[in-house]
Amino acid sequence: ELFSQYLSTKGVPNPELLIRTSGEQRISNFLLWQIAYSELYFTDVLWPEFRREDLFEAIYKYQNRERRFGKTSEQLKQEN
């Protein structure tokens, strides 16, 4: 929290989903601190061709993931 208060994104919630287009499977240090527990979605579709259907696919895949926030599936089971 101490570090976060000095970022330009101070007060903005961290993203839950980061979509990377163009087939690149890297984040290029984009929002590096803020996406520590975000789900990453990579697609080969280039940004100019990215359509509503592509967004819906990314959201669908996000909805079907197990959000663990740095924990293992086993740790989550033990908490519940």
PDB file of N, CA and C in Angstrom:
ATOM      1  N   GLU A   1       0.817  -1.193   0.000  1.00  0.00           N
ATOM      2  CA  GLU A   1       0.000   0.000   0.000  1.00  0.00           C
ATOM      3  C   GLU A   1       0.861   1.258   0.000  1.00  0.00           C
ATOM      4  N   LEU A   2       1.971   1.218   0.703  1.00  0.00           N
ATOM      5  CA  LEU A   2       2.853   2.378   0.749  1.00  0.00           C
ATOM      6  C   LEU A   2       3.337   2.731  -0.650  1.00  0.00           C
ATOM      7  N   PHE A   3       3.791   1.735  -1.386  1.00  0.00           N
ATOM      8  CA  PHE A   3       4.285   1.960  -2.742  1.00  0.00           C
ATOM      9  C   PHE A   3       3.153   2.421  -3.661  1.00  0.00           C
ATOM     10  N   SER A   4       1.992   1.819  -3.530  1.00  0.00           N
ATOM     11  CA  SER A   4       0.852   2.110  -4.410  1.00  0.00           C
ATOM     12  C   SER A   4       0.412   3.566  -4.340  1.00  0.00           C
ATOM     13  N   GLN A   5       0.575   4.198  -3.192  1.00  0.00           N
ATOM     14  CA  GLN A   5       0.102   5.577  -3.054  1.00  0.00           C
ATOM     15  C   GLN A   5       0.919   6.571  -3.876  1.00  0.00           C
ATOM     16  N   TYR A   6       2.070   6.137  -4.380  1.00  0.00           N
ATOM     17  CA  TYR A   6       2.913   7.019  -5.185  1.00  0.00           C
ATOM     18  C   TYR A   6       2.797   6.749  -6.686  1.00  0.00           C
ATOM     19  N   LEU A   7       1.958   5.809  -7.072  1.00  0.00           N
ATOM     20  CA  LEU A   7       1.768   5.504  -8.489  1.00  0.00           C
ATOM     21  C   LEU A   7       0.743   6.441  -9.108  1.00  0.00           C
ATOM     22  N   SER A   8       0.815   6.616 -10.417  1.00  0.00           N
ATOM     23  CA  SER A   8      -0.156   7.478 -11.106  1.00  0.00           C
ATOM     24  C   SER A   8      -1.564   6.887 -11.074  1.00  0.00           C
ATOM     25  N   THR A   9      -1.672   5.606 -10.760  1.00  0.00           N
ATOM     26  CA  THR A   9      -2.977   4.942 -10.698  1.00  0.00           C
ATOM     27  C   THR A   9      -3.523   4.902  -9.268  1.00  0.00           C
ATOM     28  N   LYS A  10      -2.967   5.713  -8.389  1.00  0.00           N
ATOM     29  CA  LYS A  10      -3.411   5.758  -6.994  1.00  0.00           C
ATOM     30  C   LYS A  10      -4.928   5.975  -6.942  1.00  0.00           C
ATOM     31  N   GLY A  11      -5.620   5.164  -6.166  1.00  0.00           N
ATOM     32  CA  GLY A  11      -7.060   5.314  -6.013  1.00  0.00           C
ATOM     33  C   GLY A  11      -7.884   4.604  -7.067  1.00  0.00           C
ATOM     34  N   VAL A  12      -7.228   4.046  -8.068  1.00  0.00           N
ATOM     35  CA  VAL A  12      -7.917   3.312  -9.135  1.00  0.00           C
ATOM     36  C   VAL A  12      -7.805   1.819  -8.822  1.00  0.00           C
ATOM     37  N   PRO A  13      -8.912   1.077  -8.864  1.00  0.00           N
ATOM     38  CA  PRO A  13      -8.821  -0.366  -8.570  1.00  0.00           C
ATOM     39  C   PRO A  13      -7.900  -1.083  -9.557  1.00  0.00           C
ATOM     40  N   ASN A  14      -7.218  -2.093  -9.074  1.00  0.00           N
ATOM     41  CA  ASN A  14      -6.365  -2.893  -9.950  1.00  0.00           C
ATOM     42  C   ASN A  14      -7.229  -3.668 -10.938  1.00  0.00           C
ATOM     43  N   PRO A  15      -6.757  -3.840 -12.167  1.00  0.00           N
ATOM     44  CA  PRO A  15      -7.560  -4.571 -13.162  1.00  0.00           C
ATOM     45  C   PRO A  15      -7.691  -6.044 -12.796  1.00  0.00           C
ATOM     46  N   GLU A  16      -8.839  -6.603 -13.092  1.00  0.00           N
ATOM     47  CA  GLU A  16      -9.053  -8.031 -12.871  1.00  0.00           C
ATOM     48  C   GLU A  16      -8.643  -8.835 -14.095  1.00  0.00           C
ATOM     49  N   LEU A  17      -8.672  -8.205 -15.267  1.00  0.00           N
ATOM     50  CA  LEU A  17      -8.356  -8.879 -16.524  1.00  0.00           C
ATOM     51  C   LEU A  17      -7.529  -7.949 -17.398  1.00  0.00           C
ATOM     52  N   LEU A  18      -6.418  -8.467 -17.920  1.00  0.00           N
ATOM     53  CA  LEU A  18      -5.600  -7.733 -18.883  1.00  0.00           C
ATOM     54  C   LEU A  18      -5.644  -8.497 -20.193  1.00  0.00           C
ATOM     55  N   ILE A  19      -6.065  -7.835 -21.249  1.00  0.00           N
ATOM     56  CA  ILE A  19      -6.144  -8.456 -22.572  1.00  0.00           C
ATOM     57  C   ILE A  19      -4.973  -7.949 -23.396  1.00  0.00           C
ATOM     58  N   ARG A  20      -4.170  -8.869 -23.904  1.00  0.00           N
ATOM     59  CA  ARG A  20      -3.030  -8.518 -24.763  1.00  0.00           C
ATOM     60  C   ARG A  20      -3.315  -9.034 -26.165  1.00  0.00           C
ATOM     61  N   THR A  21      -3.366  -8.128 -27.118  1.00  0.00           N
ATOM     62  CA  THR A  21      -3.640  -8.488 -28.508  1.00  0.00           C
ATOM     63  C   THR A  21      -2.337  -8.687 -29.272  1.00  0.00           C
ATOM     64  N   SER A  22      -2.444  -9.136 -30.495  1.00  0.00           N
ATOM     65  CA  SER A  22      -1.365  -9.264 -31.487  1.00  0.00           C
ATOM     66  C   SER A  22      -0.544 -10.538 -31.362  1.00  0.00           C
ATOM     67  N   GLY A  23      -0.904 -11.429 -30.470  1.00  0.00           N
ATOM     68  CA  GLY A  23      -0.158 -12.670 -30.349  1.00  0.00           C
ATOM     69  C   GLY A  23       1.063 -12.580 -29.455  1.00  0.00           C
ATOM     70  N   GLU A  24       1.419 -11.379 -29.042  1.00  0.00           N
ATOM     71  CA  GLU A  24       2.550 -11.222 -28.119  1.00  0.00           C
ATOM     72  C   GLU A  24       2.163 -11.782 -26.761  1.00  0.00           C
ATOM     73  N   GLN A  25       3.051 -12.544 -26.169  1.00  0.00           N
ATOM     74  CA  GLN A  25       2.773 -13.092 -24.845  1.00  0.00           C
ATOM     75  C   GLN A  25       3.731 -12.492 -23.830  1.00  0.00           C
ATOM     76  N   ARG A  26       3.651 -11.193 -23.733  1.00  0.00           N
ATOM     77  CA  ARG A  26       4.445 -10.438 -22.760  1.00  0.00           C
ATOM     78  C   ARG A  26       3.624  -9.228 -22.345  1.00  0.00           C
ATOM     79  N   ILE A  27       3.962  -8.636 -21.237  1.00  0.00           N
ATOM     80  CA  ILE A  27       3.184  -7.494 -20.759  1.00  0.00           C
ATOM     81  C   ILE A  27       3.915  -6.167 -20.941  1.00  0.00           C
ATOM     82  N   SER A  28       5.152  -6.202 -21.346  1.00  0.00           N
ATOM     83  CA  SER A  28       5.931  -4.989 -21.637  1.00  0.00           C
ATOM     84  C   SER A  28       5.950  -4.011 -20.464  1.00  0.00           C
ATOM     85  N   ASN A  29       5.935  -4.545 -19.251  1.00  0.00           N
ATOM     86  CA  ASN A  29       5.957  -3.736 -18.025  1.00  0.00           C
ATOM     87  C   ASN A  29       4.762  -2.797 -17.893  1.00  0.00           C
ATOM     88  N   PHE A  30       3.685  -3.095 -18.594  1.00  0.00           N
ATOM     89  CA  PHE A  30       2.477  -2.273 -18.529  1.00  0.00           C
ATOM     90  C   PHE A  30       1.728  -2.570 -17.233  1.00  0.00           C
ATOM     91  N   LEU A  31       1.535  -1.556 -16.416  1.00  0.00           N
ATOM     92  CA  LEU A  31       0.851  -1.693 -15.123  1.00  0.00           C
ATOM     93  C   LEU A  31       1.419  -2.861 -14.312  1.00  0.00           C
ATOM     94  N   LEU A  32       2.708  -2.985 -14.334  1.00  0.00           N
ATOM     95  CA  LEU A  32       3.378  -4.140 -13.732  1.00  0.00           C
ATOM     96  C   LEU A  32       2.978  -4.364 -12.271  1.00  0.00           C
ATOM     97  N   TRP A  33       2.957  -3.317 -11.479  1.00  0.00           N
ATOM     98  CA  TRP A  33       2.605  -3.440 -10.064  1.00  0.00           C
ATOM     99  C   TRP A  33       1.123  -3.781  -9.900  1.00  0.00           C
ATOM    100  N   GLN A  34       0.280  -3.168 -10.730  1.00  0.00           N
ATOM    101  CA  GLN A  34      -1.163  -3.290 -10.581  1.00  0.00           C
ATOM    102  C   GLN A  34      -1.724  -4.630 -11.059  1.00  0.00           C
ATOM    103  N   ILE A  35      -1.029  -5.329 -11.941  1.00  0.00           N
ATOM    104  CA  ILE A  35      -1.585  -6.575 -12.493  1.00  0.00           C
ATOM    105  C   ILE A  35      -1.026  -7.830 -11.825  1.00  0.00           C
ATOM    106  N   ALA A  36      -0.458  -7.674 -10.649  1.00  0.00           N
ATOM    107  CA  ALA A  36       0.135  -8.826  -9.958  1.00  0.00           C
ATOM    108  C   ALA A  36      -0.848  -9.979  -9.810  1.00  0.00           C
ATOM    109  N   TYR A  37      -2.110  -9.688  -9.522  1.00  0.00           N
ATOM    110  CA  TYR A  37      -3.116 -10.738  -9.350  1.00  0.00           C
ATOM    111  C   TYR A  37      -4.196 -10.686 -10.425  1.00  0.00           C
ATOM    112  N   SER A  38      -3.941  -9.981 -11.500  1.00  0.00           N
ATOM    113  CA  SER A  38      -4.886  -9.928 -12.622  1.00  0.00           C
ATOM    114  C   SER A  38      -4.787 -11.204 -13.445  1.00  0.00           C
ATOM    115  N   GLU A  39      -5.857 -11.529 -14.117  1.00  0.00           N
ATOM    116  CA  GLU A  39      -5.834 -12.634 -15.072  1.00  0.00           C
ATOM    117  C   GLU A  39      -5.368 -12.069 -16.409  1.00  0.00           C
ATOM    118  N   LEU A  40      -4.480 -12.780 -17.081  1.00  0.00           N
ATOM    119  CA  LEU A  40      -3.946 -12.331 -18.365  1.00  0.00           C
ATOM    120  C   LEU A  40      -4.574 -13.156 -19.477  1.00  0.00           C
ATOM    121  N   TYR A  41      -4.996 -12.465 -20.530  1.00  0.00           N
ATOM    122  CA  TYR A  41      -5.602 -13.134 -21.687  1.00  0.00           C
ATOM    123  C   TYR A  41      -4.846 -12.680 -22.928  1.00  0.00           C
ATOM    124  N   PHE A  42      -4.309 -13.633 -23.668  1.00  0.00           N
ATOM    125  CA  PHE A  42      -3.551 -13.338 -24.879  1.00  0.00           C
ATOM    126  C   PHE A  42      -4.340 -13.812 -26.091  1.00  0.00           C
ATOM    127  N   THR A  43      -4.383 -12.968 -27.120  1.00  0.00           N
ATOM    128  CA  THR A  43      -5.076 -13.322 -28.351  1.00  0.00           C
ATOM    129  C   THR A  43      -4.218 -12.926 -29.550  1.00  0.00           C
ATOM    130  N   ASP A  44      -4.340 -13.683 -30.625  1.00  0.00           N
ATOM    131  CA  ASP A  44      -3.606 -13.371 -31.855  1.00  0.00           C
ATOM    132  C   ASP A  44      -4.246 -12.233 -32.639  1.00  0.00           C
ATOM    133  N   VAL A  45      -5.456 -11.863 -32.293  1.00  0.00           N
ATOM    134  CA  VAL A  45      -6.169 -10.799 -33.005  1.00  0.00           C
ATOM    135  C   VAL A  45      -5.428  -9.477 -32.793  1.00  0.00           C
ATOM    136  N   LEU A  46      -5.213  -8.743 -33.869  1.00  0.00           N
ATOM    137  CA  LEU A  46      -4.578  -7.432 -33.765  1.00  0.00           C
ATOM    138  C   LEU A  46      -5.579  -6.419 -33.221  1.00  0.00           C
ATOM    139  N   TRP A  47      -5.093  -5.390 -32.530  1.00  0.00           N
ATOM    140  CA  TRP A  47      -5.984  -4.426 -31.899  1.00  0.00           C
ATOM    141  C   TRP A  47      -6.980  -3.792 -32.877  1.00  0.00           C
ATOM    142  N   PRO A  48      -6.577  -3.368 -34.062  1.00  0.00           N
ATOM    143  CA  PRO A  48      -7.572  -2.760 -34.965  1.00  0.00           C
ATOM    144  C   PRO A  48      -8.699  -3.716 -35.369  1.00  0.00           C
ATOM    145  N   GLU A  49      -8.432  -5.024 -35.330  1.00  0.00           N
ATOM    146  CA  GLU A  49      -9.450  -6.012 -35.708  1.00  0.00           C
ATOM    147  C   GLU A  49     -10.185  -6.588 -34.498  1.00  0.00           C
ATOM    148  N   PHE A  50      -9.823  -6.162 -33.302  1.00  0.00           N
ATOM    149  CA  PHE A  50     -10.440  -6.682 -32.076  1.00  0.00           C
ATOM    150  C   PHE A  50     -11.884  -6.205 -32.012  1.00  0.00           C
ATOM    151  N   ARG A  51     -12.807  -7.151 -31.968  1.00  0.00           N
ATOM    152  CA  ARG A  51     -14.240  -6.846 -32.023  1.00  0.00           C
ATOM    153  C   ARG A  51     -14.948  -7.280 -30.738  1.00  0.00           C
ATOM    154  N   ARG A  52     -16.208  -6.960 -30.692  1.00  0.00           N
ATOM    155  CA  ARG A  52     -17.053  -7.305 -29.555  1.00  0.00           C
ATOM    156  C   ARG A  52     -16.983  -8.802 -29.245  1.00  0.00           C
ATOM    157  N   GLU A  53     -17.002  -9.622 -30.292  1.00  0.00           N
ATOM    158  CA  GLU A  53     -16.952 -11.076 -30.103  1.00  0.00           C
ATOM    159  C   GLU A  53     -15.646 -11.506 -29.426  1.00  0.00           C
ATOM    160  N   ASP A  54     -14.557 -10.833 -29.772  1.00  0.00           N
ATOM    161  CA  ASP A  54     -13.265 -11.138 -29.148  1.00  0.00           C
ATOM    162  C   ASP A  54     -13.287 -10.766 -27.663  1.00  0.00           C
ATOM    163  N   LEU A  55     -13.908  -9.633 -27.361  1.00  0.00           N
ATOM    164  CA  LEU A  55     -14.044  -9.218 -25.969  1.00  0.00           C
ATOM    165  C   LEU A  55     -14.893 -10.219 -25.193  1.00  0.00           C
ATOM    166  N   PHE A  56     -16.006 -10.644 -25.786  1.00  0.00           N
ATOM    167  CA  PHE A  56     -16.873 -11.619 -25.123  1.00  0.00           C
ATOM    168  C   PHE A  56     -16.132 -12.931 -24.862  1.00  0.00           C
ATOM    169  N   GLU A  57     -15.295 -13.351 -25.807  1.00  0.00           N
ATOM    170  CA  GLU A  57     -14.516 -14.579 -25.617  1.00  0.00           C
ATOM    171  C   GLU A  57     -13.547 -14.423 -24.447  1.00  0.00           C
ATOM    172  N   ALA A  58     -12.891 -13.273 -24.371  1.00  0.00           N
ATOM    173  CA  ALA A  58     -11.957 -13.023 -23.268  1.00  0.00           C
ATOM    174  C   ALA A  58     -12.688 -13.032 -21.928  1.00  0.00           C
ATOM    175  N   ILE A  59     -13.848 -12.413 -21.881  1.00  0.00           N
ATOM    176  CA  ILE A  59     -14.629 -12.377 -20.640  1.00  0.00           C
ATOM    177  C   ILE A  59     -15.109 -13.774 -20.270  1.00  0.00           C
ATOM    178  N   TYR A  60     -15.558 -14.536 -21.254  1.00  0.00           N
ATOM    179  CA  TYR A  60     -16.017 -15.903 -20.997  1.00  0.00           C
ATOM    180  C   TYR A  60     -14.888 -16.748 -20.404  1.00  0.00           C
ATOM    181  N   LYS A  61     -13.713 -16.643 -20.991  1.00  0.00           N
ATOM    182  CA  LYS A  61     -12.580 -17.428 -20.484  1.00  0.00           C
ATOM    183  C   LYS A  61     -12.180 -16.958 -19.089  1.00  0.00           C
ATOM    184  N   TYR A  62     -12.272 -15.662 -18.855  1.00  0.00           N
ATOM    185  CA  TYR A  62     -11.985 -15.115 -17.526  1.00  0.00           C
ATOM    186  C   TYR A  62     -12.969 -15.667 -16.491  1.00  0.00           C
ATOM    187  N   GLN A  63     -14.234 -15.714 -16.855  1.00  0.00           N
ATOM    188  CA  GLN A  63     -15.265 -16.197 -15.931  1.00  0.00           C
ATOM    189  C   GLN A  63     -15.074 -17.664 -15.565  1.00  0.00           C
ATOM    190  N   ASN A  64     -14.407 -18.417 -16.400  1.00  0.00           N
ATOM    191  CA  ASN A  64     -14.221 -19.840 -16.162  1.00  0.00           C
ATOM    192  C   ASN A  64     -12.867 -20.179 -15.544  1.00  0.00           C
ATOM    193  N   ARG A  65     -12.145 -19.182 -15.112  1.00  0.00           N
ATOM    194  CA  ARG A  65     -10.859 -19.408 -14.455  1.00  0.00           C
ATOM    195  C   ARG A  65     -11.041 -19.452 -12.941  1.00  0.00           C
ATOM    196  N   GLU A  66     -10.114 -20.107 -12.302  1.00  0.00           N
ATOM    197  CA  GLU A  66     -10.098 -20.126 -10.843  1.00  0.00           C
ATOM    198  C   GLU A  66      -9.200 -18.987 -10.367  1.00  0.00           C
ATOM    199  N   ARG A  67      -9.788 -17.993  -9.745  1.00  0.00           N
ATOM    200  CA  ARG A  67      -9.000 -16.872  -9.217  1.00  0.00           C
ATOM    201  C   ARG A  67      -8.365 -17.307  -7.906  1.00  0.00           C
ATOM    202  N   ARG A  68      -7.033 -17.307  -7.863  1.00  0.00           N
ATOM    203  CA  ARG A  68      -6.326 -17.805  -6.687  1.00  0.00           C
ATOM    204  C   ARG A  68      -5.556 -16.721  -5.941  1.00  0.00           C
ATOM    205  N   PHE A  69      -5.335 -15.585  -6.552  1.00  0.00           N
ATOM    206  CA  PHE A  69      -4.650 -14.466  -5.915  1.00  0.00           C
ATOM    207  C   PHE A  69      -3.339 -14.887  -5.253  1.00  0.00           C
ATOM    208  N   GLY A  70      -2.531 -15.648  -6.000  1.00  0.00           N
ATOM    209  CA  GLY A  70      -1.215 -16.051  -5.529  1.00  0.00           C
ATOM    210  C   GLY A  70      -1.190 -17.318  -4.695  1.00  0.00           C
ATOM    211  N   LYS A  71      -2.337 -17.908  -4.482  1.00  0.00           N
ATOM    212  CA  LYS A  71      -2.402 -19.143  -3.697  1.00  0.00           C
ATOM    213  C   LYS A  71      -2.545 -20.336  -4.630  1.00  0.00           C
ATOM    214  N   THR A  72      -2.386 -21.524  -4.078  1.00  0.00           N
ATOM    215  CA  THR A  72      -2.618 -22.743  -4.851  1.00  0.00           C
ATOM    216  C   THR A  72      -4.080 -23.153  -4.698  1.00  0.00           C
ATOM    217  N   SER A  73      -4.540 -24.016  -5.576  1.00  0.00           N
ATOM    218  CA  SER A  73      -5.911 -24.524  -5.478  1.00  0.00           C
ATOM    219  C   SER A  73      -6.128 -25.215  -4.136  1.00  0.00           C
ATOM    220  N   GLU A  74      -5.117 -25.926  -3.684  1.00  0.00           N
ATOM    221  CA  GLU A  74      -5.215 -26.635  -2.401  1.00  0.00           C
ATOM    222  C   GLU A  74      -5.386 -25.662  -1.238  1.00  0.00           C
ATOM    223  N   GLN A  75      -4.661 -24.567  -1.261  1.00  0.00           N
ATOM    224  CA  GLN A  75      -4.793 -23.567  -0.198  1.00  0.00           C
ATOM    225  C   GLN A  75      -6.196 -22.973  -0.183  1.00  0.00           C
ATOM    226  N   LEU A  76      -6.755 -22.736  -1.354  1.00  0.00           N
ATOM    227  CA  LEU A  76      -8.116 -22.202  -1.419  1.00  0.00           C
ATOM    228  C   LEU A  76      -9.127 -23.189  -0.854  1.00  0.00           C
ATOM    229  N   LYS A  77      -8.940 -24.470  -1.150  1.00  0.00           N
ATOM    230  CA  LYS A  77      -9.849 -25.500  -0.634  1.00  0.00           C
ATOM    231  C   LYS A  77      -9.792 -25.553   0.890  1.00  0.00           C
ATOM    232  N   GLN A  78      -8.605 -25.398   1.445  1.00  0.00           N
ATOM    233  CA  GLN A  78      -8.449 -25.437   2.901  1.00  0.00           C
ATOM    234  C   GLN A  78      -9.126 -24.249   3.575  1.00  0.00           C
ATOM    235  N   GLU A  79      -9.184 -23.117   2.887  1.00  0.00           N
ATOM    236  CA  GLU A  79      -9.823 -21.925   3.450  1.00  0.00           C
ATOM    237  C   GLU A  79     -11.340 -22.056   3.483  1.00  0.00           C
ATOM    238  N   ASN A  80     -11.881 -22.814   2.542  1.00  0.00           N
ATOM    239  CA  ASN A  80     -13.344 -22.933   2.447  1.00  0.00           C
ATOM    240  C   ASN A  80     -13.846 -24.092   3.185  1.00  0.00           C
TER     241      ASN A  80
END
